[in-house]
Amino acid sequence: MKKLILFLILIFIYWSAKKQQPEEVSLNANDAQTLDNLLIFHNLERERLDLPELQLDFNLISYAQNHAEWMSRKNSLTHSNLKNVIWFQRSGENIAWNQADEQAVLSAWMNSQGHRNNILNRKFSHVGFGIARNSKNQIYWCTVFGG
C-alpha cells in the first residue's frame, strides 16, 4: 500500500512539473542572453526602490514568447488579453517594437509611466519575457508580470 501511495505521489509530481514546462521556444543564443539580461535589468530597477526581485515563471515565459511571436507574424504591436493569465490574481504586460537591444527597450519602458508602473509594481512577484523577429528582423518585445 505504501509503495502504491508513493508511486501515485511521484506520478502527480511528474505531471505537475511537466504541466509547468513552457512550450518549445526557438531562440538563438543571443536571444536567450537578451532574455537573461532583461530579468537582471528589471530587478536592478526594482532594487533601487528596495522592491523584491521578480522571479521567472514558466507559464509567463511561454505566454510572453507566444505573444511576441504572434505580434511578429502579424506585424502588429498589440496587447494580449491578460484575462488568459488565470494562474495569478493580477497581471500586467509591457510590449514594444524595434528597440535595438534590452537596454534600449528597458529605457523606453522606464520613460513611460504605465510601463514603469508595471516594472516597479510591488504586487508583481513573477515575470516572463518573450522576443521575436519579423521578416525584416525587427524585434517585438513582450513582458508579462504576475502577482
C-alpha atoms as a PDB file:
ATOM      1  CA  MET A   1       0.000   0.000   0.000  1.00  0.00           C
ATOM      2  CA  LYS A   2       2.811   2.411   0.903  1.00  0.00           C
ATOM      3  CA  LYS A   3       4.513   1.691  -2.431  1.00  0.00           C
ATOM      4  CA  LEU A   4       1.289   2.435  -4.283  1.00  0.00           C
ATOM      5  CA  ILE A   5       0.844   5.754  -2.485  1.00  0.00           C
ATOM      6  CA  LEU A   6       4.478   6.678  -3.156  1.00  0.00           C
ATOM      7  CA  PHE A   7       4.045   5.717  -6.811  1.00  0.00           C
ATOM      8  CA  LEU A   8       0.916   7.897  -7.106  1.00  0.00           C
ATOM      9  CA  ILE A   9       2.698  10.821  -5.460  1.00  0.00           C
ATOM     10  CA  LEU A  10       5.614  10.508  -7.891  1.00  0.00           C
ATOM     11  CA  ILE A  11       3.235  10.417 -10.869  1.00  0.00           C
ATOM     12  CA  PHE A  12       1.463  13.521  -9.542  1.00  0.00           C
ATOM     13  CA  ILE A  13       4.796  15.353  -9.124  1.00  0.00           C
ATOM     14  CA  TYR A  14       5.903  14.312 -12.618  1.00  0.00           C
ATOM     15  CA  TRP A  15       2.693  15.519 -14.282  1.00  0.00           C
ATOM     16  CA  SER A  16       2.663  18.750 -12.267  1.00  0.00           C
ATOM     17  CA  ALA A  17       6.239  19.506 -13.310  1.00  0.00           C
ATOM     18  CA  LYS A  18       5.510  18.591 -16.920  1.00  0.00           C
ATOM     19  CA  LYS A  19       2.484  20.904 -16.928  1.00  0.00           C
ATOM     20  CA  GLN A  20       4.694  23.792 -15.768  1.00  0.00           C
ATOM     21  CA  GLN A  21       7.111  23.472 -18.695  1.00  0.00           C
ATOM     22  CA  PRO A  22       6.816  26.179 -21.372  1.00  0.00           C
ATOM     23  CA  GLU A  23       6.017  25.286 -24.934  1.00  0.00           C
ATOM     24  CA  GLU A  24       9.010  24.729 -27.184  1.00  0.00           C
ATOM     25  CA  VAL A  25      10.652  28.097 -27.763  1.00  0.00           C
ATOM     26  CA  SER A  26      13.024  28.621 -30.650  1.00  0.00           C
ATOM     27  CA  LEU A  27      15.548  31.229 -29.553  1.00  0.00           C
ATOM     28  CA  ASN A  28      19.095  31.637 -30.681  1.00  0.00           C
ATOM     29  CA  ALA A  29      21.878  32.042 -28.104  1.00  0.00           C
ATOM     30  CA  ASN A  30      21.840  35.845 -28.392  1.00  0.00           C
ATOM     31  CA  ASP A  31      18.090  35.967 -27.766  1.00  0.00           C
ATOM     32  CA  ALA A  32      18.432  33.700 -24.733  1.00  0.00           C
ATOM     33  CA  GLN A  33      21.127  36.022 -23.333  1.00  0.00           C
ATOM     34  CA  THR A  34      18.873  39.006 -24.056  1.00  0.00           C
ATOM     35  CA  LEU A  35      16.077  37.443 -22.002  1.00  0.00           C
ATOM     36  CA  ASP A  36      18.501  36.776 -19.121  1.00  0.00           C
ATOM     37  CA  ASN A  37      19.630  40.413 -19.296  1.00  0.00           C
ATOM     38  CA  LEU A  38      16.023  41.620 -19.201  1.00  0.00           C
ATOM     39  CA  LEU A  39      15.496  39.889 -15.862  1.00  0.00           C
ATOM     40  CA  ILE A  40      18.706  41.389 -14.489  1.00  0.00           C
ATOM     41  CA  PHE A  41      17.817  44.904 -15.688  1.00  0.00           C
ATOM     42  CA  HIS A  42      14.239  44.711 -14.376  1.00  0.00           C
ATOM     43  CA  ASN A  43      15.491  43.580 -10.975  1.00  0.00           C
ATOM     44  CA  LEU A  44      18.146  46.315 -10.865  1.00  0.00           C
ATOM     45  CA  GLU A  45      15.385  48.909 -11.332  1.00  0.00           C
ATOM     46  CA  ARG A  46      13.361  47.279  -8.549  1.00  0.00           C
ATOM     47  CA  GLU A  47      16.403  47.064  -6.269  1.00  0.00           C
ATOM     48  CA  ARG A  48      16.815  50.859  -6.434  1.00  0.00           C
ATOM     49  CA  LEU A  49      13.473  51.161  -4.622  1.00  0.00           C
ATOM     50  CA  ASP A  50      14.040  48.202  -2.261  1.00  0.00           C
ATOM     51  CA  LEU A  51      11.410  46.137  -4.072  1.00  0.00           C
ATOM     52  CA  PRO A  52      11.652  42.344  -4.075  1.00  0.00           C
ATOM     53  CA  GLU A  53      13.186  40.692  -7.123  1.00  0.00           C
ATOM     54  CA  LEU A  54      10.932  39.335  -9.841  1.00  0.00           C
ATOM     55  CA  GLN A  55      11.103  35.570 -10.272  1.00  0.00           C
ATOM     56  CA  LEU A  56      10.825  33.846 -13.625  1.00  0.00           C
ATOM     57  CA  ASP A  57       7.662  31.842 -14.189  1.00  0.00           C
ATOM     58  CA  PHE A  58       7.498  29.147 -16.904  1.00  0.00           C
ATOM     59  CA  ASN A  59       3.872  29.918 -17.723  1.00  0.00           C
ATOM     60  CA  LEU A  60       4.559  33.637 -18.088  1.00  0.00           C
ATOM     61  CA  ILE A  61       7.632  32.924 -20.240  1.00  0.00           C
ATOM     62  CA  SER A  62       5.549  30.766 -22.549  1.00  0.00           C
ATOM     63  CA  TYR A  63       2.730  33.311 -22.641  1.00  0.00           C
ATOM     64  CA  ALA A  64       5.090  36.237 -23.366  1.00  0.00           C
ATOM     65  CA  GLN A  65       7.007  34.327 -26.032  1.00  0.00           C
ATOM     66  CA  ASN A  66       3.813  33.207 -27.759  1.00  0.00           C
ATOM     67  CA  HIS A  67       2.510  36.761 -27.789  1.00  0.00           C
ATOM     68  CA  ALA A  68       5.806  38.185 -29.105  1.00  0.00           C
ATOM     69  CA  GLU A  69       5.740  35.602 -31.888  1.00  0.00           C
ATOM     70  CA  TRP A  70       2.105  36.444 -32.689  1.00  0.00           C
ATOM     71  CA  MET A  71       2.939  40.169 -32.901  1.00  0.00           C
ATOM     72  CA  SER A  72       5.925  39.482 -35.166  1.00  0.00           C
ATOM     73  CA  ARG A  73       3.852  37.305 -37.513  1.00  0.00           C
ATOM     74  CA  LYS A  74       1.086  39.916 -37.683  1.00  0.00           C
ATOM     75  CA  ASN A  75       3.484  42.908 -37.675  1.00  0.00           C
ATOM     76  CA  SER A  76       1.220  44.366 -35.030  1.00  0.00           C
ATOM     77  CA  LEU A  77       2.114  45.982 -31.719  1.00  0.00           C
ATOM     78  CA  THR A  78      -0.981  44.876 -29.818  1.00  0.00           C
ATOM     79  CA  HIS A  79      -1.535  43.952 -26.183  1.00  0.00           C
ATOM     80  CA  SER A  80      -2.721  40.457 -25.423  1.00  0.00           C
ATOM     81  CA  ASN A  81      -5.848  39.570 -23.471  1.00  0.00           C
ATOM     82  CA  LEU A  82      -4.483  39.247 -19.954  1.00  0.00           C
ATOM     83  CA  LYS A  83      -7.733  37.596 -18.864  1.00  0.00           C
ATOM     84  CA  ASN A  84      -5.982  34.466 -20.159  1.00  0.00           C
ATOM     85  CA  VAL A  85      -3.359  34.756 -17.391  1.00  0.00           C
ATOM     86  CA  ILE A  86      -5.524  32.968 -14.845  1.00  0.00           C
ATOM     87  CA  TRP A  87      -2.820  31.500 -12.619  1.00  0.00           C
ATOM     88  CA  PHE A  88      -2.150  34.892 -10.954  1.00  0.00           C
ATOM     89  CA  GLN A  89      -4.570  37.227  -9.181  1.00  0.00           C
ATOM     90  CA  ARG A  90      -3.198  40.227 -11.059  1.00  0.00           C
ATOM     91  CA  SER A  91      -1.161  40.638 -14.191  1.00  0.00           C
ATOM     92  CA  GLY A  92       0.375  43.319 -16.376  1.00  0.00           C
ATOM     93  CA  GLU A  93       2.069  43.495 -19.737  1.00  0.00           C
ATOM     94  CA  ASN A  94       4.697  45.647 -21.400  1.00  0.00           C
ATOM     95  CA  ILE A  95       5.152  45.412 -25.153  1.00  0.00           C
ATOM     96  CA  ALA A  96       7.467  47.241 -27.510  1.00  0.00           C
ATOM     97  CA  TRP A  97       8.678  47.137 -31.086  1.00  0.00           C
ATOM     98  CA  ASN A  98      12.003  47.568 -32.815  1.00  0.00           C
ATOM     99  CA  GLN A  99      14.277  48.664 -29.965  1.00  0.00           C
ATOM    100  CA  ALA A 100      17.814  47.533 -30.769  1.00  0.00           C
ATOM    101  CA  ASP A 101      18.532  45.709 -27.515  1.00  0.00           C
ATOM    102  CA  GLU A 102      17.363  45.020 -23.974  1.00  0.00           C
ATOM    103  CA  GLN A 103      18.894  48.249 -22.627  1.00  0.00           C
ATOM    104  CA  ALA A 104      17.001  50.319 -25.198  1.00  0.00           C
ATOM    105  CA  VAL A 105      13.676  48.617 -24.533  1.00  0.00           C
ATOM    106  CA  LEU A 106      14.053  48.890 -20.759  1.00  0.00           C
ATOM    107  CA  SER A 107      14.935  52.574 -21.126  1.00  0.00           C
ATOM    108  CA  ALA A 108      11.830  53.135 -23.261  1.00  0.00           C
ATOM    109  CA  TRP A 109       9.649  51.355 -20.710  1.00  0.00           C
ATOM    110  CA  MET A 110      11.159  53.237 -17.756  1.00  0.00           C
ATOM    111  CA  ASN A 111      10.439  56.525 -19.565  1.00  0.00           C
ATOM    112  CA  SER A 112       6.763  55.605 -19.965  1.00  0.00           C
ATOM    113  CA  GLN A 113       4.686  55.949 -16.801  1.00  0.00           C
ATOM    114  CA  GLY A 114       2.420  52.946 -17.401  1.00  0.00           C
ATOM    115  CA  HIS A 115       5.273  50.623 -18.331  1.00  0.00           C
ATOM    116  CA  ARG A 116       7.374  51.915 -15.436  1.00  0.00           C
ATOM    117  CA  ASN A 117       4.461  51.271 -13.066  1.00  0.00           C
ATOM    118  CA  ASN A 118       4.379  47.625 -14.172  1.00  0.00           C
ATOM    119  CA  ILE A 119       8.131  47.159 -13.680  1.00  0.00           C
ATOM    120  CA  LEU A 120       8.036  48.738 -10.216  1.00  0.00           C
ATOM    121  CA  ASN A 121       4.697  47.307  -9.050  1.00  0.00           C
ATOM    122  CA  ARG A 122       5.310  45.714  -5.668  1.00  0.00           C
ATOM    123  CA  LYS A 123       2.271  43.456  -6.176  1.00  0.00           C
ATOM    124  CA  PHE A 124       4.043  41.701  -9.067  1.00  0.00           C
ATOM    125  CA  SER A 125       6.324  38.883  -7.969  1.00  0.00           C
ATOM    126  CA  HIS A 126       6.800  36.886 -11.185  1.00  0.00           C
ATOM    127  CA  VAL A 127       7.683  37.668 -14.776  1.00  0.00           C
ATOM    128  CA  GLY A 128       8.115  36.146 -18.191  1.00  0.00           C
ATOM    129  CA  PHE A 129       9.809  37.612 -21.256  1.00  0.00           C
ATOM    130  CA  GLY A 130       9.403  36.982 -24.951  1.00  0.00           C
ATOM    131  CA  ILE A 131      11.077  38.329 -28.069  1.00  0.00           C
ATOM    132  CA  ALA A 132      10.523  37.559 -31.724  1.00  0.00           C
ATOM    133  CA  ARG A 133      11.710  38.984 -35.007  1.00  0.00           C
ATOM    134  CA  ASN A 134       9.563  39.685 -38.033  1.00  0.00           C
ATOM    135  CA  SER A 135      10.649  39.135 -41.644  1.00  0.00           C
ATOM    136  CA  LYS A 136      12.539  42.465 -41.565  1.00  0.00           C
ATOM    137  CA  ASN A 137      14.457  41.343 -38.443  1.00  0.00           C
ATOM    138  CA  GLN A 138      12.627  43.918 -36.301  1.00  0.00           C
ATOM    139  CA  ILE A 139      12.187  42.807 -32.699  1.00  0.00           C
ATOM    140  CA  TYR A 140       8.854  42.538 -30.901  1.00  0.00           C
ATOM    141  CA  TRP A 141       9.221  42.570 -27.127  1.00  0.00           C
ATOM    142  CA  CYS A 142       6.759  41.257 -24.554  1.00  0.00           C
ATOM    143  CA  THR A 143       6.996  41.179 -20.774  1.00  0.00           C
ATOM    144  CA  VAL A 144       4.179  39.697 -18.706  1.00  0.00           C
ATOM    145  CA  PHE A 145       4.022  40.232 -14.941  1.00  0.00           C
ATOM    146  CA  GLY A 146       2.069  38.220 -12.392  1.00  0.00           C
ATOM    147  CA  GLY A 147       1.342  38.545  -8.716  1.00  0.00           C
END
